[in-house]
Amino acid sequence: MPSPRFLIALPLVAALTACVSPDPASRAAVVVSPQQPASVGHDAVAPRKVLKAQYDVRQVAISVPRDLRVSEANVFYPIADVVWRGEPRGDRYAQVERIFQEAAAEASGPMTHGRAVNVVIEVTRFHCLTEKTRYTVGGTHALHFNLTVTDAATGQVIDGPRAVVADIKASGGAQAIAEDQMGQTQRVVVVARLAEVIRRELSAQVTDPGLVSQALTPAPVLVTAQR
């Protein structure tokens, strides 16, 4: 299964006490930094890229097939497609669907320019940590889905279906407990990660030098004088 472009979003705007909104032309641009290759030295800095939303997203449909195998076994690594302990025991399919709905809404909400499209996300794997794993060694949240983009008017497939992998490291032991106490729960981490990846998958790299320069330039800051 191919891996997506794993990139980490960096903030574009720094504010002191109050700031002016950035130019609308750069509002949809996101500065991202790709994973550094293993051979990169300690002093090397990975090059930054700029991604820009390329669609007017009208609808996002989430599918969590009921033939995916769910496990509630509290072992280190259950053999299953869906393993989720970030919420009380219940309909895990429905819980996973809501997680993807929240992430997709966060990612696609600002996408209102370009070709009008509908997006279909079909979950193929949602394997997070069991209690036993989370409070000992930690591991990886394995988040996999198929992505399809279609023309909103004609239904023509524009992109996909293609597999996307959104795995993210999951803390364990004392660090996991500390994160829970700070509100950085498994659910918070997973929703944020999925939103990041969905946003990236529906964006394109900006090549126009003017837009790249504009996106990389911090917005002007209005400083309120102290009395």
C-alpha atoms as a PDB file:
ATOM      1  CA  MET A   1       0.000   0.000   0.000  1.00  0.00           C
ATOM      2  CA  PRO A   2       1.588   3.330  -1.038  1.00  0.00           C
ATOM      3  CA  SER A   3       2.361   5.894   1.581  1.00  0.00           C
ATOM      4  CA  PRO A   4       1.042   9.468   1.291  1.00  0.00           C
ATOM      5  CA  ARG A   5       3.210  12.560   1.326  1.00  0.00           C
ATOM      6  CA  PHE A   6       3.880  12.771   5.062  1.00  0.00           C
ATOM      7  CA  LEU A   7       4.327  16.453   5.788  1.00  0.00           C
ATOM      8  CA  ILE A   8       4.113  18.511   8.944  1.00  0.00           C
ATOM      9  CA  ALA A   9       2.231  21.803   8.823  1.00  0.00           C
ATOM     10  CA  LEU A  10       4.167  24.836  10.094  1.00  0.00           C
ATOM     11  CA  PRO A  11       2.437  28.057  11.265  1.00  0.00           C
ATOM     12  CA  LEU A  12       2.397  30.974   8.806  1.00  0.00           C
ATOM     13  CA  VAL A  13       1.395  33.808  11.079  1.00  0.00           C
ATOM     14  CA  ALA A  14       2.967  35.033  14.324  1.00  0.00           C
ATOM     15  CA  ALA A  15       1.001  37.470  16.483  1.00  0.00           C
ATOM     16  CA  LEU A  16       2.067  39.611  19.447  1.00  0.00           C
ATOM     17  CA  THR A  17      -1.130  41.067  20.873  1.00  0.00           C
ATOM     18  CA  ALA A  18      -3.349  41.551  17.845  1.00  0.00           C
ATOM     19  CA  CYS A  19      -2.745  40.866  14.176  1.00  0.00           C
ATOM     20  CA  VAL A  20      -4.148  41.765  10.774  1.00  0.00           C
ATOM     21  CA  SER A  21      -5.680  38.951   8.667  1.00  0.00           C
ATOM     22  CA  PRO A  22      -3.442  37.716   5.810  1.00  0.00           C
ATOM     23  CA  ASP A  23      -4.134  38.545   2.182  1.00  0.00           C
ATOM     24  CA  PRO A  24      -7.088  36.451   0.885  1.00  0.00           C
ATOM     25  CA  ALA A  25      -4.930  35.142  -1.969  1.00  0.00           C
ATOM     26  CA  SER A  26      -2.671  33.320   0.466  1.00  0.00           C
ATOM     27  CA  ARG A  27      -5.308  32.316   3.008  1.00  0.00           C
ATOM     28  CA  ALA A  28      -5.639  28.791   1.603  1.00  0.00           C
ATOM     29  CA  ALA A  29      -1.883  28.230   1.346  1.00  0.00           C
ATOM     30  CA  VAL A  30      -0.140  26.014   3.869  1.00  0.00           C
ATOM     31  CA  VAL A  31       3.616  25.795   4.454  1.00  0.00           C
ATOM     32  CA  VAL A  32       4.687  22.211   4.933  1.00  0.00           C
ATOM     33  CA  SER A  33       7.956  20.396   5.573  1.00  0.00           C
ATOM     34  CA  PRO A  34       8.526  16.856   4.250  1.00  0.00           C
ATOM     35  CA  GLN A  35      10.088  14.089   6.289  1.00  0.00           C
ATOM     36  CA  GLN A  36      13.851  14.338   6.340  1.00  0.00           C
ATOM     37  CA  PRO A  37      15.676  11.416   4.702  1.00  0.00           C
ATOM     38  CA  ALA A  38      17.740   9.255   7.039  1.00  0.00           C
ATOM     39  CA  SER A  39      20.959  10.538   5.505  1.00  0.00           C
ATOM     40  CA  VAL A  40      20.310  14.199   6.337  1.00  0.00           C
ATOM     41  CA  GLY A  41      22.849  15.577   8.816  1.00  0.00           C
ATOM     42  CA  HIS A  42      22.010  17.275  12.089  1.00  0.00           C
ATOM     43  CA  ASP A  43      22.561  20.775  10.694  1.00  0.00           C
ATOM     44  CA  ALA A  44      20.578  20.229   7.489  1.00  0.00           C
ATOM     45  CA  VAL A  45      17.120  21.736   7.135  1.00  0.00           C
ATOM     46  CA  ALA A  46      14.485  20.029   4.986  1.00  0.00           C
ATOM     47  CA  PRO A  47      13.181  22.329   2.232  1.00  0.00           C
ATOM     48  CA  ARG A  48       9.793  23.887   2.745  1.00  0.00           C
ATOM     49  CA  LYS A  49       7.002  23.545   0.228  1.00  0.00           C
ATOM     50  CA  VAL A  50       3.687  25.314  -0.150  1.00  0.00           C
ATOM     51  CA  LEU A  51       0.424  23.467  -0.694  1.00  0.00           C
ATOM     52  CA  LYS A  52      -2.809  25.114  -1.752  1.00  0.00           C
ATOM     53  CA  ALA A  53      -6.332  23.684  -1.692  1.00  0.00           C
ATOM     54  CA  GLN A  54      -7.304  22.861  -5.252  1.00  0.00           C
ATOM     55  CA  TYR A  55     -11.040  22.132  -4.963  1.00  0.00           C
ATOM     56  CA  ASP A  56     -14.351  23.577  -3.868  1.00  0.00           C
ATOM     57  CA  VAL A  57     -15.391  20.655  -1.674  1.00  0.00           C
ATOM     58  CA  ARG A  58     -19.181  20.368  -1.608  1.00  0.00           C
ATOM     59  CA  GLN A  59     -19.610  17.078   0.218  1.00  0.00           C
ATOM     60  CA  VAL A  60     -17.526  14.441   1.992  1.00  0.00           C
ATOM     61  CA  ALA A  61     -19.038  10.971   2.434  1.00  0.00           C
ATOM     62  CA  ILE A  62     -17.494   8.605   4.984  1.00  0.00           C
ATOM     63  CA  SER A  63     -17.820   4.840   4.691  1.00  0.00           C
ATOM     64  CA  VAL A  64     -16.795   2.410   7.421  1.00  0.00           C
ATOM     65  CA  PRO A  65     -17.639  -1.037   5.998  1.00  0.00           C
ATOM     66  CA  ARG A  66     -19.305  -3.354   8.463  1.00  0.00           C
ATOM     67  CA  ASP A  67     -17.217  -6.264   7.257  1.00  0.00           C
ATOM     68  CA  LEU A  68     -14.137  -4.743   8.888  1.00  0.00           C
ATOM     69  CA  ARG A  69     -13.201  -6.901  11.859  1.00  0.00           C
ATOM     70  CA  VAL A  70     -13.445  -5.221  15.288  1.00  0.00           C
ATOM     71  CA  SER A  71     -11.549  -6.416  18.353  1.00  0.00           C
ATOM     72  CA  GLU A  72     -12.040  -5.504  21.999  1.00  0.00           C
ATOM     73  CA  ALA A  73      -9.284  -7.837  23.209  1.00  0.00           C
ATOM     74  CA  ASN A  74      -6.938  -6.122  25.650  1.00  0.00           C
ATOM     75  CA  VAL A  75      -3.713  -7.531  24.238  1.00  0.00           C
ATOM     76  CA  PHE A  76      -0.664  -5.822  22.781  1.00  0.00           C
ATOM     77  CA  TYR A  77      -1.665  -6.248  19.139  1.00  0.00           C
ATOM     78  CA  PRO A  78      -5.128  -7.602  18.340  1.00  0.00           C
ATOM     79  CA  ILE A  79      -5.515  -9.166  14.896  1.00  0.00           C
ATOM     80  CA  ALA A  80      -8.286  -6.912  13.604  1.00  0.00           C
ATOM     81  CA  ASP A  81      -9.091  -4.029  11.264  1.00  0.00           C
ATOM     82  CA  VAL A  82     -10.711  -1.771  13.861  1.00  0.00           C
ATOM     83  CA  VAL A  83      -9.166  -1.329  17.315  1.00  0.00           C
ATOM     84  CA  TRP A  84     -10.394   1.731  19.173  1.00  0.00           C
ATOM     85  CA  ARG A  85     -10.276   2.448  22.917  1.00  0.00           C
ATOM     86  CA  GLY A  86     -10.361   6.241  22.863  1.00  0.00           C
ATOM     87  CA  GLU A  87     -14.086   6.236  23.718  1.00  0.00           C
ATOM     88  CA  PRO A  88     -16.331   4.054  25.898  1.00  0.00           C
ATOM     89  CA  ARG A  89     -17.223   0.686  24.434  1.00  0.00           C
ATOM     90  CA  GLY A  90     -20.024   0.960  21.897  1.00  0.00           C
ATOM     91  CA  ASP A  91     -20.590   0.872  18.146  1.00  0.00           C
ATOM     92  CA  ARG A  92     -16.982   1.175  16.998  1.00  0.00           C
ATOM     93  CA  TYR A  93     -18.006   1.597  13.366  1.00  0.00           C
ATOM     94  CA  ALA A  94     -20.126   4.620  14.259  1.00  0.00           C
ATOM     95  CA  GLN A  95     -17.381   6.053  16.466  1.00  0.00           C
ATOM     96  CA  VAL A  96     -14.791   5.765  13.691  1.00  0.00           C
ATOM     97  CA  GLU A  97     -17.220   7.316  11.217  1.00  0.00           C
ATOM     98  CA  ARG A  98     -17.745  10.333  13.491  1.00  0.00           C
ATOM     99  CA  ILE A  99     -13.989  10.750  13.896  1.00  0.00           C
ATOM    100  CA  PHE A 100     -13.509  10.862  10.123  1.00  0.00           C
ATOM    101  CA  GLN A 101     -16.482  13.208   9.725  1.00  0.00           C
ATOM    102  CA  GLU A 102     -14.964  15.674  12.189  1.00  0.00           C
ATOM    103  CA  ALA A 103     -11.538  15.465  10.568  1.00  0.00           C
ATOM    104  CA  ALA A 104     -12.939  15.849   7.053  1.00  0.00           C
ATOM    105  CA  ALA A 105     -15.078  18.833   8.061  1.00  0.00           C
ATOM    106  CA  GLU A 106     -12.052  20.547   9.630  1.00  0.00           C
ATOM    107  CA  ALA A 107      -9.887  19.840   6.587  1.00  0.00           C
ATOM    108  CA  SER A 108     -12.350  20.695   3.824  1.00  0.00           C
ATOM    109  CA  GLY A 109     -14.292  23.522   5.471  1.00  0.00           C
ATOM    110  CA  PRO A 110     -12.030  26.299   4.100  1.00  0.00           C
ATOM    111  CA  MET A 111     -11.897  24.676   0.635  1.00  0.00           C
ATOM    112  CA  THR A 112     -14.328  26.856  -1.315  1.00  0.00           C
ATOM    113  CA  HIS A 113     -12.432  27.723  -4.499  1.00  0.00           C
ATOM    114  CA  GLY A 114     -11.717  25.722  -7.631  1.00  0.00           C
ATOM    115  CA  ARG A 115     -13.545  22.849  -9.258  1.00  0.00           C
ATOM    116  CA  ALA A 116     -16.641  21.765  -7.320  1.00  0.00           C
ATOM    117  CA  VAL A 117     -16.153  18.206  -6.091  1.00  0.00           C
ATOM    118  CA  ASN A 118     -17.508  15.522  -3.837  1.00  0.00           C
ATOM    119  CA  VAL A 119     -15.147  13.361  -1.801  1.00  0.00           C
ATOM    120  CA  VAL A 120     -15.607   9.758  -0.692  1.00  0.00           C
ATOM    121  CA  ILE A 121     -13.477   8.308   2.096  1.00  0.00           C
ATOM    122  CA  GLU A 122     -13.667   4.572   2.720  1.00  0.00           C
ATOM    123  CA  VAL A 123     -11.944   3.414   5.884  1.00  0.00           C
ATOM    124  CA  THR A 124      -9.867   0.267   5.413  1.00  0.00           C
ATOM    125  CA  ARG A 125      -8.000   0.164   8.726  1.00  0.00           C
ATOM    126  CA  PHE A 126      -8.331   1.975  12.038  1.00  0.00           C
ATOM    127  CA  HIS A 127      -5.968   0.181  14.387  1.00  0.00           C
ATOM    128  CA  CYS A 128      -5.127   2.250  17.464  1.00  0.00           C
ATOM    129  CA  LEU A 129      -3.719   1.173  20.813  1.00  0.00           C
ATOM    130  CA  THR A 130      -5.325  -1.096  23.358  1.00  0.00           C
ATOM    131  CA  GLU A 131      -5.217  -0.163  27.030  1.00  0.00           C
ATOM    132  CA  LYS A 132      -2.392  -2.645  27.586  1.00  0.00           C
ATOM    133  CA  THR A 133      -0.263  -1.132  24.827  1.00  0.00           C
ATOM    134  CA  ARG A 134      -1.034   2.518  25.552  1.00  0.00           C
ATOM    135  CA  TYR A 135      -0.084   2.362  29.189  1.00  0.00           C
ATOM    136  CA  THR A 136       3.122   0.397  28.605  1.00  0.00           C
ATOM    137  CA  VAL A 137       5.184   0.514  25.410  1.00  0.00           C
ATOM    138  CA  GLY A 138       3.092   2.734  23.123  1.00  0.00           C
ATOM    139  CA  GLY A 139       3.088   2.168  19.387  1.00  0.00           C
ATOM    140  CA  THR A 140       1.448   3.480  16.231  1.00  0.00           C
ATOM    141  CA  HIS A 141      -2.068   4.548  15.321  1.00  0.00           C
ATOM    142  CA  ALA A 142      -2.567   2.841  11.929  1.00  0.00           C
ATOM    143  CA  LEU A 143      -5.063   4.975   9.982  1.00  0.00           C
ATOM    144  CA  HIS A 144      -5.724   3.819   6.404  1.00  0.00           C
ATOM    145  CA  PHE A 145      -8.424   4.805   3.935  1.00  0.00           C
ATOM    146  CA  ASN A 146      -9.280   4.970   0.246  1.00  0.00           C
ATOM    147  CA  LEU A 147      -9.864   8.443  -1.199  1.00  0.00           C
ATOM    148  CA  THR A 148     -11.966   9.245  -4.278  1.00  0.00           C
ATOM    149  CA  VAL A 149     -12.689  12.713  -5.673  1.00  0.00           C
ATOM    150  CA  THR A 150     -15.510  13.200  -8.181  1.00  0.00           C
ATOM    151  CA  ASP A 151     -16.913  16.150 -10.103  1.00  0.00           C
ATOM    152  CA  ALA A 152     -19.881  17.479  -8.110  1.00  0.00           C
ATOM    153  CA  ALA A 153     -21.982  18.054 -11.243  1.00  0.00           C
ATOM    154  CA  THR A 154     -21.171  15.040 -13.433  1.00  0.00           C
ATOM    155  CA  GLY A 155     -19.925  12.418 -10.992  1.00  0.00           C
ATOM    156  CA  GLN A 156     -16.813  11.911 -13.105  1.00  0.00           C
ATOM    157  CA  VAL A 157     -13.887  10.536 -11.121  1.00  0.00           C
ATOM    158  CA  ILE A 158     -11.121  13.147 -10.922  1.00  0.00           C
ATOM    159  CA  ASP A 159      -8.777  11.442  -8.489  1.00  0.00           C
ATOM    160  CA  GLY A 160      -8.643   7.906  -7.151  1.00  0.00           C
ATOM    161  CA  PRO A 161      -9.748   5.708  -5.722  1.00  0.00           C
ATOM    162  CA  ARG A 162      -6.336   5.544  -4.102  1.00  0.00           C
ATOM    163  CA  ALA A 163      -5.025   4.270  -0.805  1.00  0.00           C
ATOM    164  CA  VAL A 164      -3.866   6.762   1.816  1.00  0.00           C
ATOM    165  CA  VAL A 165      -1.874   5.891   4.931  1.00  0.00           C
ATOM    166  CA  ALA A 166      -2.062   8.393   7.802  1.00  0.00           C
ATOM    167  CA  ASP A 167      -0.183   6.487  10.511  1.00  0.00           C
ATOM    168  CA  ILE A 168       1.079   8.461  13.487  1.00  0.00           C
ATOM    169  CA  LYS A 169       3.206   7.589  16.496  1.00  0.00           C
ATOM    170  CA  ALA A 170       1.258   6.875  19.686  1.00  0.00           C
ATOM    171  CA  SER A 171       2.705   7.596  23.109  1.00  0.00           C
ATOM    172  CA  GLY A 172       2.898   4.990  25.827  1.00  0.00           C
ATOM    173  CA  GLY A 173       3.384   4.698  29.557  1.00  0.00           C
ATOM    174  CA  ALA A 174       3.896   7.832  31.646  1.00  0.00           C
ATOM    175  CA  GLN A 175       3.903  10.058  28.581  1.00  0.00           C
ATOM    176  CA  ALA A 176       0.498   8.772  27.494  1.00  0.00           C
ATOM    177  CA  ILE A 177      -0.900   9.403  30.979  1.00  0.00           C
ATOM    178  CA  ALA A 178       0.519  12.935  30.996  1.00  0.00           C
ATOM    179  CA  GLU A 179      -0.980  13.645  27.566  1.00  0.00           C
ATOM    180  CA  ASP A 180      -4.383  12.392  28.699  1.00  0.00           C
ATOM    181  CA  GLN A 181      -4.240  14.726  31.711  1.00  0.00           C
ATOM    182  CA  MET A 182      -3.438  17.657  29.404  1.00  0.00           C
ATOM    183  CA  GLY A 183      -6.370  16.824  27.136  1.00  0.00           C
ATOM    184  CA  GLN A 184      -4.193  15.400  24.370  1.00  0.00           C
ATOM    185  CA  THR A 185      -6.210  12.195  24.228  1.00  0.00           C
ATOM    186  CA  GLN A 186      -6.045   9.501  21.578  1.00  0.00           C
ATOM    187  CA  ARG A 187      -9.146  10.960  19.972  1.00  0.00           C
ATOM    188  CA  VAL A 188      -7.697  14.462  19.802  1.00  0.00           C
ATOM    189  CA  VAL A 189      -4.476  13.151  18.245  1.00  0.00           C
ATOM    190  CA  VAL A 190      -6.276  10.975  15.697  1.00  0.00           C
ATOM    191  CA  VAL A 191      -8.729  13.674  14.564  1.00  0.00           C
ATOM    192  CA  ALA A 192      -5.917  16.203  14.148  1.00  0.00           C
ATOM    193  CA  ARG A 193      -3.781  13.749  12.194  1.00  0.00           C
ATOM    194  CA  LEU A 194      -6.610  12.755   9.857  1.00  0.00           C
ATOM    195  CA  ALA A 195      -7.531  16.404   9.251  1.00  0.00           C
ATOM    196  CA  GLU A 196      -3.900  17.157   8.394  1.00  0.00           C
ATOM    197  CA  VAL A 197      -3.633  14.273   5.914  1.00  0.00           C
ATOM    198  CA  ILE A 198      -7.034  14.848   4.279  1.00  0.00           C
ATOM    199  CA  ARG A 199      -6.197  18.531   3.836  1.00  0.00           C
ATOM    200  CA  ARG A 200      -2.906  17.628   2.234  1.00  0.00           C
ATOM    201  CA  GLU A 201      -4.398  15.002  -0.067  1.00  0.00           C
ATOM    202  CA  LEU A 202      -6.895  17.555  -1.414  1.00  0.00           C
ATOM    203  CA  SER A 203      -4.207  20.157  -2.035  1.00  0.00           C
ATOM    204  CA  ALA A 204      -1.586  20.719  -4.706  1.00  0.00           C
ATOM    205  CA  GLN A 205       1.942  22.069  -4.536  1.00  0.00           C
ATOM    206  CA  VAL A 206       2.169  25.737  -5.427  1.00  0.00           C
ATOM    207  CA  THR A 207       4.755  26.523  -8.094  1.00  0.00           C
ATOM    208  CA  ASP A 208       3.952  30.172  -8.814  1.00  0.00           C
ATOM    209  CA  PRO A 209       6.909  32.126  -7.321  1.00  0.00           C
ATOM    210  CA  GLY A 210       4.706  35.079  -6.357  1.00  0.00           C
ATOM    211  CA  LEU A 211       2.266  32.952  -4.365  1.00  0.00           C
ATOM    212  CA  VAL A 212       5.072  30.957  -2.745  1.00  0.00           C
ATOM    213  CA  SER A 213       6.775  34.173  -1.632  1.00  0.00           C
ATOM    214  CA  GLN A 214       3.484  35.616  -0.395  1.00  0.00           C
ATOM    215  CA  ALA A 215       2.628  32.484   1.575  1.00  0.00           C
ATOM    216  CA  LEU A 216       6.058  32.325   3.193  1.00  0.00           C
ATOM    217  CA  THR A 217       6.002  35.997   4.217  1.00  0.00           C
ATOM    218  CA  PRO A 218       4.480  36.553   7.687  1.00  0.00           C
ATOM    219  CA  ALA A 219       1.410  38.764   7.750  1.00  0.00           C
ATOM    220  CA  PRO A 220       1.899  42.286   9.126  1.00  0.00           C
ATOM    221  CA  VAL A 221       1.555  42.567  12.875  1.00  0.00           C
ATOM    222  CA  LEU A 222      -0.294  45.379  14.586  1.00  0.00           C
ATOM    223  CA  VAL A 223       1.200  46.092  18.001  1.00  0.00           C
ATOM    224  CA  THR A 224      -0.903  47.874  20.562  1.00  0.00           C
ATOM    225  CA  ALA A 225       1.119  50.527  22.398  1.00  0.00           C
ATOM    226  CA  GLN A 226       1.331  50.013  26.125  1.00  0.00           C
ATOM    227  CA  ARG A 227       0.260  52.884  28.344  1.00  0.00           C
END
